[in-house]
Amino acid sequence: MWRLKDTSINDVSSGKVSADLLYQNGFKVIGWDIEWQHDAKTKVPIQTVTDIMELIEMRLKENKTVRKGHLVLLAHDEMFRMGWEESELKKLIGKLKRRGCYRFEHLRNYPD
């Protein structure tokens, strides 16, 4: 679900009215471009760091994000409870930073 200056995207119908009201009251509603999926029972990430990195690079290269040159990655907290899982997130961030062409920002800085 997205509500920005010139963007209104509904992934599902539930929540549409709430998203509209939030935006009408001055809030941005920001969804995600990519979800790092996890097993519903075990909470273990399904995609590898390499899989996610390739998907991020492809989406940005092909301009398949809500805002060109910007990407929101949803990574569920429950996926990173174990030490090795946490290191997977750190590994992804490290790899992206080493590429030198990615910058991490707080959502408050996401362009409207």
PDB file of N, CA and C in Angstrom:
ATOM      1  N   MET A   1       0.847  -1.168   0.000  1.00  0.00           N
ATOM      2  CA  MET A   1       0.000   0.000   0.000  1.00  0.00           C
ATOM      3  C   MET A   1       0.897   1.238   0.000  1.00  0.00           C
ATOM      4  N   TRP A   2       0.638   2.144  -0.914  1.00  0.00           N
ATOM      5  CA  TRP A   2       1.426   3.374  -1.039  1.00  0.00           C
ATOM      6  C   TRP A   2       0.491   4.569  -1.178  1.00  0.00           C
ATOM      7  N   ARG A   3       0.842   5.644  -0.487  1.00  0.00           N
ATOM      8  CA  ARG A   3       0.175   6.931  -0.686  1.00  0.00           C
ATOM      9  C   ARG A   3       1.253   8.001  -0.619  1.00  0.00           C
ATOM     10  N   LEU A   4       1.580   8.528  -1.796  1.00  0.00           N
ATOM     11  CA  LEU A   4       2.551   9.609  -1.914  1.00  0.00           C
ATOM     12  C   LEU A   4       1.927  10.688  -2.791  1.00  0.00           C
ATOM     13  N   LYS A   5       2.645  11.757  -2.991  1.00  0.00           N
ATOM     14  CA  LYS A   5       2.145  12.923  -3.730  1.00  0.00           C
ATOM     15  C   LYS A   5       1.405  12.556  -5.027  1.00  0.00           C
ATOM     16  N   ASP A   6       2.031  11.775  -5.874  1.00  0.00           N
ATOM     17  CA  ASP A   6       1.418  11.421  -7.153  1.00  0.00           C
ATOM     18  C   ASP A   6       1.263   9.910  -7.317  1.00  0.00           C
ATOM     19  N   THR A   7       1.208   9.204  -6.199  1.00  0.00           N
ATOM     20  CA  THR A   7       1.169   7.744  -6.242  1.00  0.00           C
ATOM     21  C   THR A   7       0.149   7.195  -5.256  1.00  0.00           C
ATOM     22  N   SER A   8      -0.722   6.331  -5.760  1.00  0.00           N
ATOM     23  CA  SER A   8      -1.677   5.620  -4.914  1.00  0.00           C
ATOM     24  C   SER A   8      -1.727   4.183  -5.417  1.00  0.00           C
ATOM     25  N   ILE A   9      -1.156   3.277  -4.636  1.00  0.00           N
ATOM     26  CA  ILE A   9      -1.091   1.869  -5.025  1.00  0.00           C
ATOM     27  C   ILE A   9      -1.725   1.035  -3.919  1.00  0.00           C
ATOM     28  N   ASN A  10      -2.645   0.152  -4.316  1.00  0.00           N
ATOM     29  CA  ASN A  10      -3.289  -0.755  -3.372  1.00  0.00           C
ATOM     30  C   ASN A  10      -2.872  -2.181  -3.692  1.00  0.00           C
ATOM     31  N   ASP A  11      -2.187  -2.819  -2.756  1.00  0.00           N
ATOM     32  CA  ASP A  11      -1.818  -4.224  -2.943  1.00  0.00           C
ATOM     33  C   ASP A  11      -3.024  -5.124  -2.687  1.00  0.00           C
ATOM     34  N   VAL A  12      -3.797  -4.737  -1.694  1.00  0.00           N
ATOM     35  CA  VAL A  12      -5.023  -5.444  -1.327  1.00  0.00           C
ATOM     36  C   VAL A  12      -6.080  -4.393  -1.012  1.00  0.00           C
ATOM     37  N   SER A  13      -7.343  -4.808  -0.983  1.00  0.00           N
ATOM     38  CA  SER A  13      -8.402  -3.824  -0.735  1.00  0.00           C
ATOM     39  C   SER A  13      -8.513  -3.448   0.739  1.00  0.00           C
ATOM     40  N   SER A  14      -8.197  -4.365   1.641  1.00  0.00           N
ATOM     41  CA  SER A  14      -8.295  -4.018   3.058  1.00  0.00           C
ATOM     42  C   SER A  14      -7.205  -3.006   3.400  1.00  0.00           C
ATOM     43  N   GLY A  15      -7.568  -1.993   4.123  1.00  0.00           N
ATOM     44  CA  GLY A  15      -6.610  -0.965   4.499  1.00  0.00           C
ATOM     45  C   GLY A  15      -6.632   0.247   3.593  1.00  0.00           C
ATOM     46  N   LYS A  16      -7.360   0.179   2.486  1.00  0.00           N
ATOM     47  CA  LYS A  16      -7.405   1.278   1.527  1.00  0.00           C
ATOM     48  C   LYS A  16      -7.944   2.553   2.171  1.00  0.00           C
ATOM     49  N   VAL A  17      -9.044   2.448   2.881  1.00  0.00           N
ATOM     50  CA  VAL A  17      -9.658   3.618   3.525  1.00  0.00           C
ATOM     51  C   VAL A  17      -8.706   4.203   4.561  1.00  0.00           C
ATOM     52  N   SER A  18      -8.080   3.345   5.342  1.00  0.00           N
ATOM     53  CA  SER A  18      -7.126   3.817   6.359  1.00  0.00           C
ATOM     54  C   SER A  18      -5.939   4.520   5.713  1.00  0.00           C
ATOM     55  N   ALA A  19      -5.416   3.951   4.631  1.00  0.00           N
ATOM     56  CA  ALA A  19      -4.287   4.571   3.931  1.00  0.00           C
ATOM     57  C   ALA A  19      -4.679   5.944   3.394  1.00  0.00           C
ATOM     58  N   ASP A  20      -5.874   6.045   2.827  1.00  0.00           N
ATOM     59  CA  ASP A  20      -6.358   7.333   2.317  1.00  0.00           C
ATOM     60  C   ASP A  20      -6.461   8.361   3.438  1.00  0.00           C
ATOM     61  N   LEU A  21      -7.019   7.949   4.571  1.00  0.00           N
ATOM     62  CA  LEU A  21      -7.166   8.870   5.708  1.00  0.00           C
ATOM     63  C   LEU A  21      -5.812   9.318   6.249  1.00  0.00           C
ATOM     64  N   LEU A  22      -4.880   8.405   6.348  1.00  0.00           N
ATOM     65  CA  LEU A  22      -3.539   8.769   6.810  1.00  0.00           C
ATOM     66  C   LEU A  22      -2.919   9.811   5.886  1.00  0.00           C
ATOM     67  N   TYR A  23      -3.011   9.563   4.582  1.00  0.00           N
ATOM     68  CA  TYR A  23      -2.414  10.507   3.631  1.00  0.00           C
ATOM     69  C   TYR A  23      -3.118  11.866   3.683  1.00  0.00           C
ATOM     70  N   GLN A  24      -4.434  11.853   3.792  1.00  0.00           N
ATOM     71  CA  GLN A  24      -5.198  13.104   3.876  1.00  0.00           C
ATOM     72  C   GLN A  24      -4.835  13.911   5.120  1.00  0.00           C
ATOM     73  N   ASN A  25      -4.303  13.233   6.124  1.00  0.00           N
ATOM     74  CA  ASN A  25      -3.911  13.907   7.364  1.00  0.00           C
ATOM     75  C   ASN A  25      -2.406  14.153   7.445  1.00  0.00           C
ATOM     76  N   GLY A  26      -1.742  14.147   6.296  1.00  0.00           N
ATOM     77  CA  GLY A  26      -0.346  14.559   6.228  1.00  0.00           C
ATOM     78  C   GLY A  26       0.707  13.479   6.357  1.00  0.00           C
ATOM     79  N   PHE A  27       0.298  12.223   6.375  1.00  0.00           N
ATOM     80  CA  PHE A  27       1.256  11.129   6.499  1.00  0.00           C
ATOM     81  C   PHE A  27       1.540  10.502   5.141  1.00  0.00           C
ATOM     82  N   LYS A  28       2.787  10.082   4.936  1.00  0.00           N
ATOM     83  CA  LYS A  28       3.119   9.249   3.789  1.00  0.00           C
ATOM     84  C   LYS A  28       2.780   7.815   4.177  1.00  0.00           C
ATOM     85  N   VAL A  29       2.287   7.055   3.237  1.00  0.00           N
ATOM     86  CA  VAL A  29       2.087   5.622   3.440  1.00  0.00           C
ATOM     87  C   VAL A  29       3.049   4.941   2.471  1.00  0.00           C
ATOM     88  N   ILE A  30       4.032   4.260   3.030  1.00  0.00           N
ATOM     89  CA  ILE A  30       5.103   3.680   2.218  1.00  0.00           C
ATOM     90  C   ILE A  30       5.060   2.160   2.314  1.00  0.00           C
ATOM     91  N   GLY A  31       4.917   1.536   1.178  1.00  0.00           N
ATOM     92  CA  GLY A  31       4.947   0.081   1.106  1.00  0.00           C
ATOM     93  C   GLY A  31       6.371  -0.396   0.888  1.00  0.00           C
ATOM     94  N   TRP A  32       6.540  -1.423   0.067  1.00  0.00           N
ATOM     95  CA  TRP A  32       7.883  -1.924  -0.211  1.00  0.00           C
ATOM     96  C   TRP A  32       7.962  -2.380  -1.662  1.00  0.00           C
ATOM     97  N   ASP A  33       9.172  -2.326  -2.181  1.00  0.00           N
ATOM     98  CA  ASP A  33       9.427  -2.770  -3.551  1.00  0.00           C
ATOM     99  C   ASP A  33       9.790  -4.247  -3.591  1.00  0.00           C
ATOM    100  N   ILE A  34      10.488  -4.704  -2.558  1.00  0.00           N
ATOM    101  CA  ILE A  34      10.920  -6.100  -2.472  1.00  0.00           C
ATOM    102  C   ILE A  34      10.704  -6.573  -1.039  1.00  0.00           C
ATOM    103  N   GLU A  35      10.199  -7.787  -0.910  1.00  0.00           N
ATOM    104  CA  GLU A  35      10.079  -8.411   0.411  1.00  0.00           C
ATOM    105  C   GLU A  35      11.072  -9.563   0.480  1.00  0.00           C
ATOM    106  N   TRP A  36      11.912  -9.546   1.512  1.00  0.00           N
ATOM    107  CA  TRP A  36      12.810 -10.677   1.760  1.00  0.00           C
ATOM    108  C   TRP A  36      11.945 -11.729   2.435  1.00  0.00           C
ATOM    109  N   GLN A  37      11.549 -12.716   1.678  1.00  0.00           N
ATOM    110  CA  GLN A  37      10.571 -13.686   2.152  1.00  0.00           C
ATOM    111  C   GLN A  37      11.171 -14.675   3.138  1.00  0.00           C
ATOM    112  N   HIS A  38      10.283 -15.207   3.973  1.00  0.00           N
ATOM    113  CA  HIS A  38      10.709 -16.179   4.973  1.00  0.00           C
ATOM    114  C   HIS A  38       9.667 -17.277   5.091  1.00  0.00           C
ATOM    115  N   ASP A  39      10.108 -18.420   5.594  1.00  0.00           N
ATOM    116  CA  ASP A  39       9.221 -19.550   5.836  1.00  0.00           C
ATOM    117  C   ASP A  39       8.251 -19.178   6.952  1.00  0.00           C
ATOM    118  N   ALA A  40       6.967 -19.379   6.731  1.00  0.00           N
ATOM    119  CA  ALA A  40       5.951 -18.968   7.703  1.00  0.00           C
ATOM    120  C   ALA A  40       6.086 -19.685   9.049  1.00  0.00           C
ATOM    121  N   LYS A  41       6.533 -20.936   9.027  1.00  0.00           N
ATOM    122  CA  LYS A  41       6.650 -21.688  10.282  1.00  0.00           C
ATOM    123  C   LYS A  41       7.984 -21.468  10.977  1.00  0.00           C
ATOM    124  N   THR A  42       9.065 -21.598  10.232  1.00  0.00           N
ATOM    125  CA  THR A  42      10.393 -21.527  10.857  1.00  0.00           C
ATOM    126  C   THR A  42      10.930 -20.102  10.951  1.00  0.00           C
ATOM    127  N   LYS A  43      10.345 -19.191  10.159  1.00  0.00           N
ATOM    128  CA  LYS A  43      10.778 -17.779  10.088  1.00  0.00           C
ATOM    129  C   LYS A  43      12.157 -17.616   9.448  1.00  0.00           C
ATOM    130  N   VAL A  44      12.700 -18.664   8.893  1.00  0.00           N
ATOM    131  CA  VAL A  44      14.023 -18.626   8.262  1.00  0.00           C
ATOM    132  C   VAL A  44      13.895 -17.983   6.878  1.00  0.00           C
ATOM    133  N   PRO A  45      14.818 -17.088   6.514  1.00  0.00           N
ATOM    134  CA  PRO A  45      14.774 -16.472   5.186  1.00  0.00           C
ATOM    135  C   PRO A  45      14.788 -17.528   4.080  1.00  0.00           C
ATOM    136  N   ILE A  46      13.961 -17.325   3.069  1.00  0.00           N
ATOM    137  CA  ILE A  46      13.901 -18.251   1.942  1.00  0.00           C
ATOM    138  C   ILE A  46      14.984 -17.917   0.922  1.00  0.00           C
ATOM    139  N   GLN A  47      15.105 -16.642   0.587  1.00  0.00           N
ATOM    140  CA  GLN A  47      16.109 -16.235  -0.397  1.00  0.00           C
ATOM    141  C   GLN A  47      17.460 -16.043   0.278  1.00  0.00           C
ATOM    142  N   THR A  48      18.498 -16.326  -0.472  1.00  0.00           N
ATOM    143  CA  THR A  48      19.854 -16.106   0.031  1.00  0.00           C
ATOM    144  C   THR A  48      20.214 -14.627  -0.117  1.00  0.00           C
ATOM    145  N   VAL A  49      21.314 -14.248   0.496  1.00  0.00           N
ATOM    146  CA  VAL A  49      21.821 -12.884   0.349  1.00  0.00           C
ATOM    147  C   VAL A  49      22.064 -12.590  -1.132  1.00  0.00           C
ATOM    148  N   THR A  50      22.631 -13.538  -1.836  1.00  0.00           N
ATOM    149  CA  THR A  50      22.899 -13.357  -3.269  1.00  0.00           C
ATOM    150  C   THR A  50      21.600 -13.175  -4.049  1.00  0.00           C
ATOM    151  N   ASP A  51      20.577 -13.980  -3.723  1.00  0.00           N
ATOM    152  CA  ASP A  51      19.275 -13.853  -4.394  1.00  0.00           C
ATOM    153  C   ASP A  51      18.704 -12.448  -4.223  1.00  0.00           C
ATOM    154  N   ILE A  52      18.706 -11.964  -2.990  1.00  0.00           N
ATOM    155  CA  ILE A  52      18.135 -10.645  -2.695  1.00  0.00           C
ATOM    156  C   ILE A  52      18.954  -9.550  -3.365  1.00  0.00           C
ATOM    157  N   MET A  53      20.260  -9.682  -3.312  1.00  0.00           N
ATOM    158  CA  MET A  53      21.123  -8.675  -3.924  1.00  0.00           C
ATOM    159  C   MET A  53      20.873  -8.599  -5.431  1.00  0.00           C
ATOM    160  N   GLU A  54      20.760  -9.746  -6.082  1.00  0.00           N
ATOM    161  CA  GLU A  54      20.490  -9.768  -7.521  1.00  0.00           C
ATOM    162  C   GLU A  54      19.129  -9.154  -7.837  1.00  0.00           C
ATOM    163  N   LEU A  55      18.141  -9.435  -6.998  1.00  0.00           N
ATOM    164  CA  LEU A  55      16.806  -8.875  -7.195  1.00  0.00           C
ATOM    165  C   LEU A  55      16.823  -7.351  -7.031  1.00  0.00           C
ATOM    166  N   ILE A  56      17.524  -6.868  -6.018  1.00  0.00           N
ATOM    167  CA  ILE A  56      17.662  -5.421  -5.799  1.00  0.00           C
ATOM    168  C   ILE A  56      18.303  -4.770  -7.022  1.00  0.00           C
ATOM    169  N   GLU A  57      19.398  -5.342  -7.483  1.00  0.00           N
ATOM    170  CA  GLU A  57      20.110  -4.771  -8.629  1.00  0.00           C
ATOM    171  C   GLU A  57      19.257  -4.786  -9.894  1.00  0.00           C
ATOM    172  N   MET A  58      18.519  -5.873 -10.107  1.00  0.00           N
ATOM    173  CA  MET A  58      17.667  -5.981 -11.284  1.00  0.00           C
ATOM    174  C   MET A  58      16.542  -4.945 -11.245  1.00  0.00           C
ATOM    175  N   ARG A  59      15.868  -4.847 -10.101  1.00  0.00           N
ATOM    176  CA  ARG A  59      14.750  -3.896  -9.986  1.00  0.00           C
ATOM    177  C   ARG A  59      15.211  -2.463 -10.209  1.00  0.00           C
ATOM    178  N   LEU A  60      16.354  -2.109  -9.652  1.00  0.00           N
ATOM    179  CA  LEU A  60      16.863  -0.748  -9.831  1.00  0.00           C
ATOM    180  C   LEU A  60      17.301  -0.514 -11.277  1.00  0.00           C
ATOM    181  N   LYS A  61      17.974  -1.480 -11.862  1.00  0.00           N
ATOM    182  CA  LYS A  61      18.449  -1.347 -13.244  1.00  0.00           C
ATOM    183  C   LYS A  61      17.282  -1.207 -14.215  1.00  0.00           C
ATOM    184  N   GLU A  62      16.216  -1.974 -13.980  1.00  0.00           N
ATOM    185  CA  GLU A  62      15.061  -1.971 -14.879  1.00  0.00           C
ATOM    186  C   GLU A  62      14.014  -0.925 -14.489  1.00  0.00           C
ATOM    187  N   ASN A  63      14.334  -0.095 -13.496  1.00  0.00           N
ATOM    188  CA  ASN A  63      13.400   0.934 -13.005  1.00  0.00           C
ATOM    189  C   ASN A  63      12.047   0.349 -12.605  1.00  0.00           C
ATOM    190  N   LYS A  64      12.086  -0.781 -11.916  1.00  0.00           N
ATOM    191  CA  LYS A  64      10.860  -1.437 -11.461  1.00  0.00           C
ATOM    192  C   LYS A  64      10.688  -1.246  -9.960  1.00  0.00           C
ATOM    193  N   THR A  65      10.731   0.015  -9.551  1.00  0.00           N
ATOM    194  CA  THR A  65      10.470   0.395  -8.165  1.00  0.00           C
ATOM    195  C   THR A  65       9.441   1.520  -8.197  1.00  0.00           C
ATOM    196  N   VAL A  66       8.822   1.789  -7.068  1.00  0.00           N
ATOM    197  CA  VAL A  66       7.805   2.842  -7.024  1.00  0.00           C
ATOM    198  C   VAL A  66       8.408   4.201  -7.361  1.00  0.00           C
ATOM    199  N   ARG A  67       9.597   4.483  -6.846  1.00  0.00           N
ATOM    200  CA  ARG A  67      10.312   5.725  -7.158  1.00  0.00           C
ATOM    201  C   ARG A  67      11.636   5.358  -7.820  1.00  0.00           C
ATOM    202  N   LYS A  68      11.849   5.869  -9.019  1.00  0.00           N
ATOM    203  CA  LYS A  68      13.072   5.579  -9.765  1.00  0.00           C
ATOM    204  C   LYS A  68      14.298   5.897  -8.914  1.00  0.00           C
ATOM    205  N   GLY A  69      15.219   4.927  -8.849  1.00  0.00           N
ATOM    206  CA  GLY A  69      16.460   5.124  -8.104  1.00  0.00           C
ATOM    207  C   GLY A  69      16.334   4.928  -6.606  1.00  0.00           C
ATOM    208  N   HIS A  70      15.151   4.554  -6.144  1.00  0.00           N
ATOM    209  CA  HIS A  70      14.914   4.311  -4.716  1.00  0.00           C
ATOM    210  C   HIS A  70      14.262   2.947  -4.565  1.00  0.00           C
ATOM    211  N   LEU A  71      14.629   2.238  -3.514  1.00  0.00           N
ATOM    212  CA  LEU A  71      14.068   0.916  -3.287  1.00  0.00           C
ATOM    213  C   LEU A  71      13.824   0.722  -1.800  1.00  0.00           C
ATOM    214  N   VAL A  72      12.639   0.209  -1.478  1.00  0.00           N
ATOM    215  CA  VAL A  72      12.306  -0.139  -0.099  1.00  0.00           C
ATOM    216  C   VAL A  72      12.313  -1.661   0.003  1.00  0.00           C
ATOM    217  N   LEU A  73      13.143  -2.175   0.909  1.00  0.00           N
ATOM    218  CA  LEU A  73      13.240  -3.615   1.158  1.00  0.00           C
ATOM    219  C   LEU A  73      12.559  -3.918   2.482  1.00  0.00           C
ATOM    220  N   LEU A  74      11.577  -4.817   2.446  1.00  0.00           N
ATOM    221  CA  LEU A  74      10.927  -5.278   3.669  1.00  0.00           C
ATOM    222  C   LEU A  74      11.651  -6.532   4.140  1.00  0.00           C
ATOM    223  N   ALA A  75      12.208  -6.462   5.333  1.00  0.00           N
ATOM    224  CA  ALA A  75      12.869  -7.613   5.950  1.00  0.00           C
ATOM    225  C   ALA A  75      12.264  -7.766   7.343  1.00  0.00           C
ATOM    226  N   HIS A  76      11.509  -8.808   7.557  1.00  0.00           N
ATOM    227  CA  HIS A  76      10.780  -9.015   8.805  1.00  0.00           C
ATOM    228  C   HIS A  76      11.719  -9.264   9.985  1.00  0.00           C
ATOM    229  N   ASP A  77      11.442  -8.617  11.113  1.00  0.00           N
ATOM    230  CA  ASP A  77      12.252  -8.775  12.328  1.00  0.00           C
ATOM    231  C   ASP A  77      12.424 -10.237  12.718  1.00  0.00           C
ATOM    232  N   GLU A  78      11.346 -10.999  12.598  1.00  0.00           N
ATOM    233  CA  GLU A  78      11.369 -12.391  13.046  1.00  0.00           C
ATOM    234  C   GLU A  78      12.348 -13.254  12.255  1.00  0.00           C
ATOM    235  N   MET A  79      12.811 -12.758  11.121  1.00  0.00           N
ATOM    236  CA  MET A  79      13.775 -13.508  10.309  1.00  0.00           C
ATOM    237  C   MET A  79      15.181 -13.445  10.878  1.00  0.00           C
ATOM    238  N   PHE A  80      15.416 -12.563  11.815  1.00  0.00           N
ATOM    239  CA  PHE A  80      16.783 -12.304  12.258  1.00  0.00           C
ATOM    240  C   PHE A  80      16.955 -12.495  13.761  1.00  0.00           C
ATOM    241  N   ARG A  81      16.301 -13.513  14.304  1.00  0.00           N
ATOM    242  CA  ARG A  81      16.384 -13.789  15.744  1.00  0.00           C
ATOM    243  C   ARG A  81      17.646 -14.561  16.108  1.00  0.00           C
ATOM    244  N   MET A  82      18.080 -15.415  15.231  1.00  0.00           N
ATOM    245  CA  MET A  82      19.265 -16.228  15.494  1.00  0.00           C
ATOM    246  C   MET A  82      20.497 -15.470  15.004  1.00  0.00           C
ATOM    247  N   GLY A  83      21.630 -15.727  15.622  1.00  0.00           N
ATOM    248  CA  GLY A  83      22.853 -15.030  15.253  1.00  0.00           C
ATOM    249  C   GLY A  83      23.218 -15.154  13.787  1.00  0.00           C
ATOM    250  N   TRP A  84      23.087 -16.369  13.234  1.00  0.00           N
ATOM    251  CA  TRP A  84      23.453 -16.563  11.829  1.00  0.00           C
ATOM    252  C   TRP A  84      22.506 -15.810  10.913  1.00  0.00           C
ATOM    253  N   GLU A  85      21.236 -15.688  11.323  1.00  0.00           N
ATOM    254  CA  GLU A  85      20.274 -14.956  10.498  1.00  0.00           C
ATOM    255  C   GLU A  85      20.594 -13.462  10.497  1.00  0.00           C
ATOM    256  N   GLU A  86      20.940 -12.956  11.669  1.00  0.00           N
ATOM    257  CA  GLU A  86      21.324 -11.546  11.778  1.00  0.00           C
ATOM    258  C   GLU A  86      22.531 -11.263  10.895  1.00  0.00           C
ATOM    259  N   SER A  87      23.449 -12.220  10.852  1.00  0.00           N
ATOM    260  CA  SER A  87      24.646 -12.012  10.036  1.00  0.00           C
ATOM    261  C   SER A  87      24.300 -11.979   8.547  1.00  0.00           C
ATOM    262  N   GLU A  88      23.203 -12.630   8.152  1.00  0.00           N
ATOM    263  CA  GLU A  88      22.774 -12.580   6.753  1.00  0.00           C
ATOM    264  C   GLU A  88      22.370 -11.154   6.369  1.00  0.00           C
ATOM    265  N   LEU A  89      21.650 -10.487   7.254  1.00  0.00           N
ATOM    266  CA  LEU A  89      21.270  -9.097   6.999  1.00  0.00           C
ATOM    267  C   LEU A  89      22.510  -8.209   6.945  1.00  0.00           C
ATOM    268  N   LYS A  90      23.416  -8.413   7.878  1.00  0.00           N
ATOM    269  CA  LYS A  90      24.663  -7.637   7.888  1.00  0.00           C
ATOM    270  C   LYS A  90      25.476  -7.909   6.622  1.00  0.00           C
ATOM    271  N   LYS A  91      25.459  -9.160   6.172  1.00  0.00           N
ATOM    272  CA  LYS A  91      26.189  -9.522   4.956  1.00  0.00           C
ATOM    273  C   LYS A  91      25.603  -8.784   3.745  1.00  0.00           C
ATOM    274  N   LEU A  92      24.277  -8.738   3.658  1.00  0.00           N
ATOM    275  CA  LEU A  92      23.630  -8.037   2.550  1.00  0.00           C
ATOM    276  C   LEU A  92      23.990  -6.553   2.567  1.00  0.00           C
ATOM    277  N   ILE A  93      23.870  -5.932   3.720  1.00  0.00           N
ATOM    278  CA  ILE A  93      24.185  -4.508   3.841  1.00  0.00           C
ATOM    279  C   ILE A  93      25.647  -4.253   3.473  1.00  0.00           C
ATOM    280  N   GLY A  94      26.538  -5.098   3.973  1.00  0.00           N
ATOM    281  CA  GLY A  94      27.962  -4.952   3.667  1.00  0.00           C
ATOM    282  C   GLY A  94      28.249  -5.067   2.176  1.00  0.00           C
ATOM    283  N   LYS A  95      27.639  -6.066   1.527  1.00  0.00           N
ATOM    284  CA  LYS A  95      27.857  -6.259   0.091  1.00  0.00           C
ATOM    285  C   LYS A  95      27.358  -5.056  -0.704  1.00  0.00           C
ATOM    286  N   LEU A  96      26.192  -4.555  -0.335  1.00  0.00           N
ATOM    287  CA  LEU A  96      25.638  -3.402  -1.049  1.00  0.00           C
ATOM    288  C   LEU A  96      26.504  -2.163  -0.847  1.00  0.00           C
ATOM    289  N   LYS A  97      26.974  -1.958   0.374  1.00  0.00           N
ATOM    290  CA  LYS A  97      27.829  -0.795   0.649  1.00  0.00           C
ATOM    291  C   LYS A  97      29.141  -0.883  -0.117  1.00  0.00           C
ATOM    292  N   ARG A  98      29.705  -2.093  -0.209  1.00  0.00           N
ATOM    293  CA  ARG A  98      30.976  -2.264  -0.922  1.00  0.00           C
ATOM    294  C   ARG A  98      30.844  -1.972  -2.416  1.00  0.00           C
ATOM    295  N   ARG A  99      29.661  -2.101  -2.956  1.00  0.00           N
ATOM    296  CA  ARG A  99      29.447  -1.773  -4.371  1.00  0.00           C
ATOM    297  C   ARG A  99      29.676  -0.284  -4.620  1.00  0.00           C
ATOM    298  N   GLY A 100      29.484   0.516  -3.577  1.00  0.00           N
ATOM    299  CA  GLY A 100      29.754   1.948  -3.682  1.00  0.00           C
ATOM    300  C   GLY A 100      28.687   2.769  -4.378  1.00  0.00           C
ATOM    301  N   CYS A 101      27.605   2.145  -4.787  1.00  0.00           N
ATOM    302  CA  CYS A 101      26.569   2.903  -5.500  1.00  0.00           C
ATOM    303  C   CYS A 101      25.228   2.873  -4.771  1.00  0.00           C
ATOM    304  N   TYR A 102      25.237   2.419  -3.536  1.00  0.00           N
ATOM    305  CA  TYR A 102      24.008   2.354  -2.749  1.00  0.00           C
ATOM    306  C   TYR A 102      24.149   3.210  -1.503  1.00  0.00           C
ATOM    307  N   ARG A 103      23.046   3.811  -1.107  1.00  0.00           N
ATOM    308  CA  ARG A 103      23.017   4.613   0.113  1.00  0.00           C
ATOM    309  C   ARG A 103      21.793   4.182   0.915  1.00  0.00           C
ATOM    310  N   PHE A 104      21.970   4.051   2.203  1.00  0.00           N
ATOM    311  CA  PHE A 104      20.880   3.671   3.084  1.00  0.00           C
ATOM    312  C   PHE A 104      20.340   4.925   3.755  1.00  0.00           C
ATOM    313  N   GLU A 105      19.021   5.060   3.768  1.00  0.00           N
ATOM    314  CA  GLU A 105      18.365   6.239   4.331  1.00  0.00           C
ATOM    315  C   GLU A 105      17.213   5.802   5.222  1.00  0.00           C
ATOM    316  N   HIS A 106      16.814   6.688   6.089  1.00  0.00           N
ATOM    317  CA  HIS A 106      15.618   6.481   6.897  1.00  0.00           C
ATOM    318  C   HIS A 106      14.401   6.750   6.013  1.00  0.00           C
ATOM    319  N   LEU A 107      13.310   6.062   6.269  1.00  0.00           N
ATOM    320  CA  LEU A 107      12.108   6.250   5.455  1.00  0.00           C
ATOM    321  C   LEU A 107      11.594   7.689   5.473  1.00  0.00           C
ATOM    322  N   ARG A 108      11.895   8.435   6.524  1.00  0.00           N
ATOM    323  CA  ARG A 108      11.427   9.831   6.561  1.00  0.00           C
ATOM    324  C   ARG A 108      12.008  10.625   5.396  1.00  0.00           C
ATOM    325  N   ASN A 109      13.109  10.149   4.813  1.00  0.00           N
ATOM    326  CA  ASN A 109      13.745  10.833   3.688  1.00  0.00           C
ATOM    327  C   ASN A 109      13.295  10.301   2.325  1.00  0.00           C
ATOM    328  N   TYR A 110      12.354   9.378   2.332  1.00  0.00           N
ATOM    329  CA  TYR A 110      11.868   8.826   1.065  1.00  0.00           C
ATOM    330  C   TYR A 110      11.146   9.930   0.290  1.00  0.00           C
ATOM    331  N   PRO A 111      11.439  10.062  -1.006  1.00  0.00           N
ATOM    332  CA  PRO A 111      10.837  11.167  -1.771  1.00  0.00           C
ATOM    333  C   PRO A 111       9.326  11.028  -1.918  1.00  0.00           C
ATOM    334  N   ASP A 112       8.653  12.153  -1.745  1.00  0.00           N
ATOM    335  CA  ASP A 112       7.197  12.186  -1.888  1.00  0.00           C
ATOM    336  C   ASP A 112       6.898  12.352  -3.353  1.00  0.00           C
TER     337      ASP A 112
END
